[in-house]
Amino acid sequence: MHLAAVDYMAVNGKSFLHKAGPHSKILMTLLLIAGVLIADSLAKLGLIFIFTAALVVLSEADLREILHLIIYPAFFSIVFALIGMQRSVAAGLAVLLRAIDAAMAVILLITTTSYVDIFAVLSIFLPGVILDIFIFTYRSLFILLEKLEDLLRSIRLRGGYHPLRLALNFRNTAGMIGVLIIHSFDMSDRLYRIYTLRGYSGRIPLTRKFKTGVCDVVLVVVSVLMLTGVIIKWSIW
């Protein structure tokens, strides 16, 4: 599952991007997304793509996993790209590049920053109850994904899945989803009891001590320069 791979890359990475503070990487991501929204030419979108792609390579991430994650937004943007191509080929390609650039900026953040650090920065702006919901949901996803894999394996081993028997596949899939929903309700009640016994009183404390180093300054400065270059009126195509 991609979520587990993303979490592994974020926690175990050793690149300079992993060592940079989460506040600077979140700011960099916001600046890049702003550049994607403002860019008015393929050249500018291509420049953002080259910049984010270079950072992905420097982050020493699993490129195959990154490619799989990028395919999703690219696939869902194809319809809008085809609509844009009715005006011009450049307009259609721009739609596709915007989706890929924005996705790469976010993927770069989540593959180089632990979710705990991201939530710690967000805790400055969001209410505590919202952050707790995010943390509990993120943790529960791994448990549910493991349960889903077990159910799929059990269905296949018992002959409950066949490519040509659609009715059987739909029935077993519906049953699997029902079991998963029941399990999620049971798990939420169990987690609530566990956290209550461990002293949870309505707020998970998060550390907000962020150090600003050379890597942080470089990332922010380069991102600001990228955004400035996008805002300036110039165009090749």
C-alpha atoms as a PDB file:
ATOM      1  CA  MET A   1       0.000   0.000   0.000  1.00  0.00           C
ATOM      2  CA  HIS A   2       1.278   3.472  -0.956  1.00  0.00           C
ATOM      3  CA  LEU A   3       0.496   5.020   2.439  1.00  0.00           C
ATOM      4  CA  ALA A   4       2.862   2.681   4.268  1.00  0.00           C
ATOM      5  CA  ALA A   5       5.591   3.301   1.671  1.00  0.00           C
ATOM      6  CA  VAL A   6       5.182   7.079   2.012  1.00  0.00           C
ATOM      7  CA  ASP A   7       5.401   6.876   5.793  1.00  0.00           C
ATOM      8  CA  TYR A   8       8.514   4.675   5.563  1.00  0.00           C
ATOM      9  CA  MET A   9      10.277   7.118   3.212  1.00  0.00           C
ATOM     10  CA  ALA A  10       9.396  10.086   5.427  1.00  0.00           C
ATOM     11  CA  VAL A  11      10.687   8.512   8.632  1.00  0.00           C
ATOM     12  CA  ASN A  12      13.751   6.628   7.365  1.00  0.00           C
ATOM     13  CA  GLY A  13      15.089   9.061   4.759  1.00  0.00           C
ATOM     14  CA  LYS A  14      18.566  10.564   5.282  1.00  0.00           C
ATOM     15  CA  SER A  15      18.679  13.278   2.607  1.00  0.00           C
ATOM     16  CA  PHE A  16      19.143  17.001   3.303  1.00  0.00           C
ATOM     17  CA  LEU A  17      15.425  17.479   2.669  1.00  0.00           C
ATOM     18  CA  HIS A  18      14.606  15.114   5.513  1.00  0.00           C
ATOM     19  CA  LYS A  19      16.856  17.154   7.794  1.00  0.00           C
ATOM     20  CA  ALA A  20      15.161  20.446   6.920  1.00  0.00           C
ATOM     21  CA  GLY A  21      12.463  21.741   9.270  1.00  0.00           C
ATOM     22  CA  PRO A  22       8.828  20.905   8.553  1.00  0.00           C
ATOM     23  CA  HIS A  23       7.846  24.581   8.659  1.00  0.00           C
ATOM     24  CA  SER A  24      10.172  25.445   5.763  1.00  0.00           C
ATOM     25  CA  LYS A  25       9.034  22.464   3.687  1.00  0.00           C
ATOM     26  CA  ILE A  26       5.370  23.298   4.201  1.00  0.00           C
ATOM     27  CA  LEU A  27       6.076  26.906   3.191  1.00  0.00           C
ATOM     28  CA  MET A  28       7.964  25.668   0.134  1.00  0.00           C
ATOM     29  CA  THR A  29       5.021  23.457  -0.828  1.00  0.00           C
ATOM     30  CA  LEU A  30       2.572  26.347  -0.517  1.00  0.00           C
ATOM     31  CA  LEU A  31       4.811  28.576  -2.641  1.00  0.00           C
ATOM     32  CA  LEU A  32       5.115  25.898  -5.314  1.00  0.00           C
ATOM     33  CA  ILE A  33       1.360  25.320  -5.410  1.00  0.00           C
ATOM     34  CA  ALA A  34       0.831  29.089  -5.653  1.00  0.00           C
ATOM     35  CA  GLY A  35       3.244  29.097  -8.593  1.00  0.00           C
ATOM     36  CA  VAL A  36       1.301  26.278 -10.253  1.00  0.00           C
ATOM     37  CA  LEU A  37      -1.947  28.243  -9.912  1.00  0.00           C
ATOM     38  CA  ILE A  38      -0.434  31.507 -11.155  1.00  0.00           C
ATOM     39  CA  ALA A  39       1.636  30.104 -14.043  1.00  0.00           C
ATOM     40  CA  ASP A  40       0.237  31.222 -17.388  1.00  0.00           C
ATOM     41  CA  SER A  41       2.441  29.292 -19.799  1.00  0.00           C
ATOM     42  CA  LEU A  42       3.806  25.806 -20.408  1.00  0.00           C
ATOM     43  CA  ALA A  43       7.348  27.101 -19.943  1.00  0.00           C
ATOM     44  CA  LYS A  44       6.624  28.204 -16.373  1.00  0.00           C
ATOM     45  CA  LEU A  45       4.832  24.973 -15.534  1.00  0.00           C
ATOM     46  CA  GLY A  46       7.722  23.035 -17.043  1.00  0.00           C
ATOM     47  CA  LEU A  47      10.177  24.996 -14.896  1.00  0.00           C
ATOM     48  CA  ILE A  48       8.243  24.085 -11.748  1.00  0.00           C
ATOM     49  CA  PHE A  49       8.157  20.460 -12.882  1.00  0.00           C
ATOM     50  CA  ILE A  50      11.939  20.370 -13.379  1.00  0.00           C
ATOM     51  CA  PHE A  51      12.513  21.972  -9.970  1.00  0.00           C
ATOM     52  CA  THR A  52      10.226  19.576  -8.066  1.00  0.00           C
ATOM     53  CA  ALA A  53      11.507  16.562 -10.009  1.00  0.00           C
ATOM     54  CA  ALA A  54      15.091  17.511  -9.116  1.00  0.00           C
ATOM     55  CA  LEU A  55      14.148  17.769  -5.432  1.00  0.00           C
ATOM     56  CA  VAL A  56      12.420  14.375  -5.583  1.00  0.00           C
ATOM     57  CA  VAL A  57      15.593  12.810  -6.977  1.00  0.00           C
ATOM     58  CA  LEU A  58      17.748  14.567  -4.354  1.00  0.00           C
ATOM     59  CA  SER A  59      15.420  13.327  -1.604  1.00  0.00           C
ATOM     60  CA  GLU A  60      16.565   9.759  -2.438  1.00  0.00           C
ATOM     61  CA  ALA A  61      12.952   8.586  -2.474  1.00  0.00           C
ATOM     62  CA  ASP A  62      11.727   5.401  -4.116  1.00  0.00           C
ATOM     63  CA  LEU A  63      11.189   6.731  -7.644  1.00  0.00           C
ATOM     64  CA  ARG A  64       8.996   3.814  -8.642  1.00  0.00           C
ATOM     65  CA  GLU A  65       6.643   4.513  -5.747  1.00  0.00           C
ATOM     66  CA  ILE A  66       6.674   8.239  -6.536  1.00  0.00           C
ATOM     67  CA  LEU A  67       5.766   7.485 -10.158  1.00  0.00           C
ATOM     68  CA  HIS A  68       2.819   5.369  -9.024  1.00  0.00           C
ATOM     69  CA  LEU A  69       1.552   8.224  -6.868  1.00  0.00           C
ATOM     70  CA  ILE A  70       1.872  10.760  -9.695  1.00  0.00           C
ATOM     71  CA  ILE A  71      -0.103   8.551 -12.073  1.00  0.00           C
ATOM     72  CA  TYR A  72      -3.315   9.052 -10.068  1.00  0.00           C
ATOM     73  CA  PRO A  73      -3.679  12.855 -10.461  1.00  0.00           C
ATOM     74  CA  ALA A  74      -2.374  12.629 -14.033  1.00  0.00           C
ATOM     75  CA  PHE A  75      -5.018  10.023 -14.900  1.00  0.00           C
ATOM     76  CA  PHE A  76      -7.920  11.968 -13.376  1.00  0.00           C
ATOM     77  CA  SER A  77      -6.823  15.197 -15.074  1.00  0.00           C
ATOM     78  CA  ILE A  78      -6.820  13.629 -18.545  1.00  0.00           C
ATOM     79  CA  VAL A  79     -10.543  14.331 -19.026  1.00  0.00           C
ATOM     80  CA  PHE A  80     -10.078  18.033 -18.265  1.00  0.00           C
ATOM     81  CA  ALA A  81      -6.942  18.079 -20.420  1.00  0.00           C
ATOM     82  CA  LEU A  82      -8.917  16.707 -23.375  1.00  0.00           C
ATOM     83  CA  ILE A  83     -11.551  19.390 -22.836  1.00  0.00           C
ATOM     84  CA  GLY A  84      -8.815  22.032 -22.791  1.00  0.00           C
ATOM     85  CA  MET A  85      -7.343  20.653 -26.010  1.00  0.00           C
ATOM     86  CA  GLN A  86     -10.516  21.699 -27.809  1.00  0.00           C
ATOM     87  CA  ARG A  87      -9.188  25.253 -27.491  1.00  0.00           C
ATOM     88  CA  SER A  88      -5.518  24.429 -28.049  1.00  0.00           C
ATOM     89  CA  VAL A  89      -2.980  21.705 -27.420  1.00  0.00           C
ATOM     90  CA  ALA A  90      -1.086  24.030 -25.069  1.00  0.00           C
ATOM     91  CA  ALA A  91      -4.193  24.550 -22.910  1.00  0.00           C
ATOM     92  CA  GLY A  92      -4.694  20.795 -22.550  1.00  0.00           C
ATOM     93  CA  LEU A  93      -1.059  20.170 -21.683  1.00  0.00           C
ATOM     94  CA  ALA A  94      -1.196  23.006 -19.154  1.00  0.00           C
ATOM     95  CA  VAL A  95      -4.054  21.288 -17.310  1.00  0.00           C
ATOM     96  CA  LEU A  96      -2.083  18.051 -17.180  1.00  0.00           C
ATOM     97  CA  LEU A  97       1.103  19.777 -16.008  1.00  0.00           C
ATOM     98  CA  ARG A  98      -0.733  21.704 -13.284  1.00  0.00           C
ATOM     99  CA  ALA A  99      -2.052  18.449 -11.805  1.00  0.00           C
ATOM    100  CA  ILE A 100       1.350  16.760 -11.968  1.00  0.00           C
ATOM    101  CA  ASP A 101       3.248  19.759 -10.551  1.00  0.00           C
ATOM    102  CA  ALA A 102       0.850  20.207  -7.617  1.00  0.00           C
ATOM    103  CA  ALA A 103       0.921  16.478  -6.888  1.00  0.00           C
ATOM    104  CA  MET A 104       4.718  16.354  -6.971  1.00  0.00           C
ATOM    105  CA  ALA A 105       4.969  19.304  -4.561  1.00  0.00           C
ATOM    106  CA  VAL A 106       2.686  17.572  -2.047  1.00  0.00           C
ATOM    107  CA  ILE A 107       4.357  14.182  -2.550  1.00  0.00           C
ATOM    108  CA  LEU A 108       7.743  15.797  -1.942  1.00  0.00           C
ATOM    109  CA  LEU A 109       6.446  17.124   1.386  1.00  0.00           C
ATOM    110  CA  ILE A 110       4.883  13.910   2.670  1.00  0.00           C
ATOM    111  CA  THR A 111       7.808  11.687   1.605  1.00  0.00           C
ATOM    112  CA  THR A 112      10.390  13.842   3.405  1.00  0.00           C
ATOM    113  CA  THR A 113       8.426  14.902   6.493  1.00  0.00           C
ATOM    114  CA  SER A 114       6.913  12.759   9.215  1.00  0.00           C
ATOM    115  CA  TYR A 115       3.165  13.179   9.601  1.00  0.00           C
ATOM    116  CA  VAL A 116       3.716  14.039  13.284  1.00  0.00           C
ATOM    117  CA  ASP A 117       5.913  16.994  12.276  1.00  0.00           C
ATOM    118  CA  ILE A 118       3.363  18.142   9.700  1.00  0.00           C
ATOM    119  CA  PHE A 119       0.574  17.999  12.277  1.00  0.00           C
ATOM    120  CA  ALA A 120       2.786  19.856  14.770  1.00  0.00           C
ATOM    121  CA  VAL A 121       3.047  22.780  12.345  1.00  0.00           C
ATOM    122  CA  LEU A 122      -0.671  22.638  11.550  1.00  0.00           C
ATOM    123  CA  SER A 123      -1.455  22.690  15.280  1.00  0.00           C
ATOM    124  CA  ILE A 124      -0.414  26.353  15.291  1.00  0.00           C
ATOM    125  CA  PHE A 125      -3.413  27.220  13.109  1.00  0.00           C
ATOM    126  CA  LEU A 126      -5.974  24.431  13.628  1.00  0.00           C
ATOM    127  CA  PRO A 127      -8.018  23.570  16.757  1.00  0.00           C
ATOM    128  CA  GLY A 128      -6.725  20.700  18.865  1.00  0.00           C
ATOM    129  CA  VAL A 129      -9.755  18.485  18.262  1.00  0.00           C
ATOM    130  CA  ILE A 130      -9.224  18.680  14.480  1.00  0.00           C
ATOM    131  CA  LEU A 131      -5.568  17.679  14.847  1.00  0.00           C
ATOM    132  CA  ASP A 132      -6.513  14.760  17.098  1.00  0.00           C
ATOM    133  CA  ILE A 133      -8.980  13.534  14.473  1.00  0.00           C
ATOM    134  CA  PHE A 134      -6.266  13.710  11.798  1.00  0.00           C
ATOM    135  CA  ILE A 135      -3.774  11.796  13.946  1.00  0.00           C
ATOM    136  CA  PHE A 136      -6.232   9.078  14.947  1.00  0.00           C
ATOM    137  CA  THR A 137      -7.462   8.715  11.363  1.00  0.00           C
ATOM    138  CA  TYR A 138      -3.942   8.452   9.965  1.00  0.00           C
ATOM    139  CA  ARG A 139      -2.993   5.783  12.478  1.00  0.00           C
ATOM    140  CA  SER A 140      -6.198   3.828  11.915  1.00  0.00           C
ATOM    141  CA  LEU A 141      -5.661   3.737   8.158  1.00  0.00           C
ATOM    142  CA  PHE A 142      -2.671   1.428   8.551  1.00  0.00           C
ATOM    143  CA  ILE A 143      -4.706  -0.989  10.676  1.00  0.00           C
ATOM    144  CA  LEU A 144      -7.612  -0.947   8.216  1.00  0.00           C
ATOM    145  CA  LEU A 145      -5.304  -1.419   5.230  1.00  0.00           C
ATOM    146  CA  GLU A 146      -3.767  -4.466   6.878  1.00  0.00           C
ATOM    147  CA  LYS A 147      -7.246  -5.843   7.592  1.00  0.00           C
ATOM    148  CA  LEU A 148      -8.232  -5.207   3.964  1.00  0.00           C
ATOM    149  CA  GLU A 149      -5.199  -7.121   2.693  1.00  0.00           C
ATOM    150  CA  ASP A 150      -6.088 -10.067   4.956  1.00  0.00           C
ATOM    151  CA  LEU A 151      -9.679 -10.091   3.680  1.00  0.00           C
ATOM    152  CA  LEU A 152      -8.598  -9.958   0.033  1.00  0.00           C
ATOM    153  CA  ARG A 153      -6.125 -12.777   0.588  1.00  0.00           C
ATOM    154  CA  SER A 154      -8.779 -14.869   2.322  1.00  0.00           C
ATOM    155  CA  ILE A 155     -11.268 -14.336  -0.512  1.00  0.00           C
ATOM    156  CA  ARG A 156      -8.735 -15.381  -3.158  1.00  0.00           C
ATOM    157  CA  LEU A 157      -7.608 -18.473  -1.227  1.00  0.00           C
ATOM    158  CA  ARG A 158     -11.218 -19.613  -0.856  1.00  0.00           C
ATOM    159  CA  GLY A 159     -12.009 -19.140  -4.528  1.00  0.00           C
ATOM    160  CA  GLY A 160     -14.210 -16.115  -3.967  1.00  0.00           C
ATOM    161  CA  TYR A 161     -12.678 -14.100  -6.780  1.00  0.00           C
ATOM    162  CA  HIS A 162     -12.699 -14.903 -10.486  1.00  0.00           C
ATOM    163  CA  PRO A 163     -12.105 -12.421 -13.325  1.00  0.00           C
ATOM    164  CA  LEU A 164     -15.024 -13.766 -15.378  1.00  0.00           C
ATOM    165  CA  ARG A 165     -17.608 -14.113 -12.580  1.00  0.00           C
ATOM    166  CA  LEU A 166     -18.613 -10.512 -11.999  1.00  0.00           C
ATOM    167  CA  ALA A 167     -21.698 -11.266  -9.890  1.00  0.00           C
ATOM    168  CA  LEU A 168     -19.633 -13.374  -7.493  1.00  0.00           C
ATOM    169  CA  ASN A 169     -16.934 -10.702  -7.302  1.00  0.00           C
ATOM    170  CA  PHE A 170     -19.461  -7.947  -6.539  1.00  0.00           C
ATOM    171  CA  ARG A 171     -21.176 -10.010  -3.849  1.00  0.00           C
ATOM    172  CA  ASN A 172     -17.945 -10.939  -2.097  1.00  0.00           C
ATOM    173  CA  THR A 173     -16.615  -7.385  -2.397  1.00  0.00           C
ATOM    174  CA  ALA A 174     -19.788  -6.002  -0.824  1.00  0.00           C
ATOM    175  CA  GLY A 175     -19.474  -8.494   2.020  1.00  0.00           C
ATOM    176  CA  MET A 176     -15.821  -7.567   2.502  1.00  0.00           C
ATOM    177  CA  ILE A 177     -16.677  -3.857   2.688  1.00  0.00           C
ATOM    178  CA  GLY A 178     -19.410  -4.610   5.234  1.00  0.00           C
ATOM    179  CA  VAL A 179     -16.986  -6.564   7.413  1.00  0.00           C
ATOM    180  CA  LEU A 180     -14.454  -3.749   7.130  1.00  0.00           C
ATOM    181  CA  ILE A 181     -17.011  -1.133   8.214  1.00  0.00           C
ATOM    182  CA  ILE A 182     -18.032  -3.200  11.239  1.00  0.00           C
ATOM    183  CA  HIS A 183     -14.369  -3.700  12.098  1.00  0.00           C
ATOM    184  CA  SER A 184     -13.711   0.058  11.844  1.00  0.00           C
ATOM    185  CA  PHE A 185     -16.531   0.845  14.303  1.00  0.00           C
ATOM    186  CA  ASP A 186     -15.239  -1.778  16.711  1.00  0.00           C
ATOM    187  CA  MET A 187     -11.682  -0.475  16.323  1.00  0.00           C
ATOM    188  CA  SER A 188     -12.702   3.150  16.987  1.00  0.00           C
ATOM    189  CA  ASP A 189     -14.381   2.139  20.259  1.00  0.00           C
ATOM    190  CA  ARG A 190     -11.372   0.049  21.254  1.00  0.00           C
ATOM    191  CA  LEU A 191      -8.934   2.875  20.471  1.00  0.00           C
ATOM    192  CA  TYR A 192     -11.012   5.319  22.498  1.00  0.00           C
ATOM    193  CA  ARG A 193     -10.852   2.985  25.510  1.00  0.00           C
ATOM    194  CA  ILE A 194      -7.086   2.508  25.064  1.00  0.00           C
ATOM    195  CA  TYR A 195      -6.355   6.240  24.872  1.00  0.00           C
ATOM    196  CA  THR A 196      -8.658   6.962  27.808  1.00  0.00           C
ATOM    197  CA  LEU A 197      -6.830   4.413  29.963  1.00  0.00           C
ATOM    198  CA  ARG A 198      -3.519   6.003  28.958  1.00  0.00           C
ATOM    199  CA  GLY A 199      -4.621   9.427  30.152  1.00  0.00           C
ATOM    200  CA  TYR A 200      -6.018  11.019  26.998  1.00  0.00           C
ATOM    201  CA  SER A 201      -7.986  14.074  28.075  1.00  0.00           C
ATOM    202  CA  GLY A 202      -9.043  15.618  24.774  1.00  0.00           C
ATOM    203  CA  ARG A 203      -5.703  16.846  23.410  1.00  0.00           C
ATOM    204  CA  ILE A 204      -2.547  15.158  22.128  1.00  0.00           C
ATOM    205  CA  PRO A 205       0.508  17.314  22.985  1.00  0.00           C
ATOM    206  CA  LEU A 206       2.688  18.063  19.945  1.00  0.00           C
ATOM    207  CA  THR A 207       6.215  19.507  20.041  1.00  0.00           C
ATOM    208  CA  ARG A 208       6.579  22.787  18.147  1.00  0.00           C
ATOM    209  CA  LYS A 209      10.319  23.419  18.485  1.00  0.00           C
ATOM    210  CA  PHE A 210      11.444  24.025  14.910  1.00  0.00           C
ATOM    211  CA  LYS A 211      15.063  24.966  14.205  1.00  0.00           C
ATOM    212  CA  THR A 212      15.898  27.002  11.110  1.00  0.00           C
ATOM    213  CA  GLY A 213      19.121  25.956   9.406  1.00  0.00           C
ATOM    214  CA  VAL A 214      20.889  26.545   6.118  1.00  0.00           C
ATOM    215  CA  CYS A 215      18.716  23.969   4.311  1.00  0.00           C
ATOM    216  CA  ASP A 216      15.550  25.742   5.436  1.00  0.00           C
ATOM    217  CA  VAL A 217      16.757  29.115   4.230  1.00  0.00           C
ATOM    218  CA  VAL A 218      17.890  27.716   0.865  1.00  0.00           C
ATOM    219  CA  LEU A 219      14.573  25.920   0.253  1.00  0.00           C
ATOM    220  CA  VAL A 220      12.479  28.983   1.066  1.00  0.00           C
ATOM    221  CA  VAL A 221      14.680  31.395  -0.909  1.00  0.00           C
ATOM    222  CA  VAL A 222      14.713  29.173  -4.004  1.00  0.00           C
ATOM    223  CA  SER A 223      10.933  28.671  -3.744  1.00  0.00           C
ATOM    224  CA  VAL A 224      10.402  32.444  -3.503  1.00  0.00           C
ATOM    225  CA  LEU A 225      12.611  32.917  -6.572  1.00  0.00           C
ATOM    226  CA  MET A 226      10.578  30.270  -8.403  1.00  0.00           C
ATOM    227  CA  LEU A 227       7.338  32.035  -7.537  1.00  0.00           C
ATOM    228  CA  THR A 228       8.812  35.379  -8.572  1.00  0.00           C
ATOM    229  CA  GLY A 229       9.862  33.909 -11.902  1.00  0.00           C
ATOM    230  CA  VAL A 230       6.339  32.614 -12.445  1.00  0.00           C
ATOM    231  CA  ILE A 231       4.746  35.971 -11.613  1.00  0.00           C
ATOM    232  CA  ILE A 232       7.013  37.884 -13.996  1.00  0.00           C
ATOM    233  CA  LYS A 233       5.454  38.189 -17.435  1.00  0.00           C
ATOM    234  CA  TRP A 234       7.478  36.079 -19.833  1.00  0.00           C
ATOM    235  CA  SER A 235       6.466  33.309 -22.146  1.00  0.00           C
ATOM    236  CA  ILE A 236       8.009  30.928 -24.648  1.00  0.00           C
ATOM    237  CA  TRP A 237       4.799  29.175 -25.712  1.00  0.00           C
END
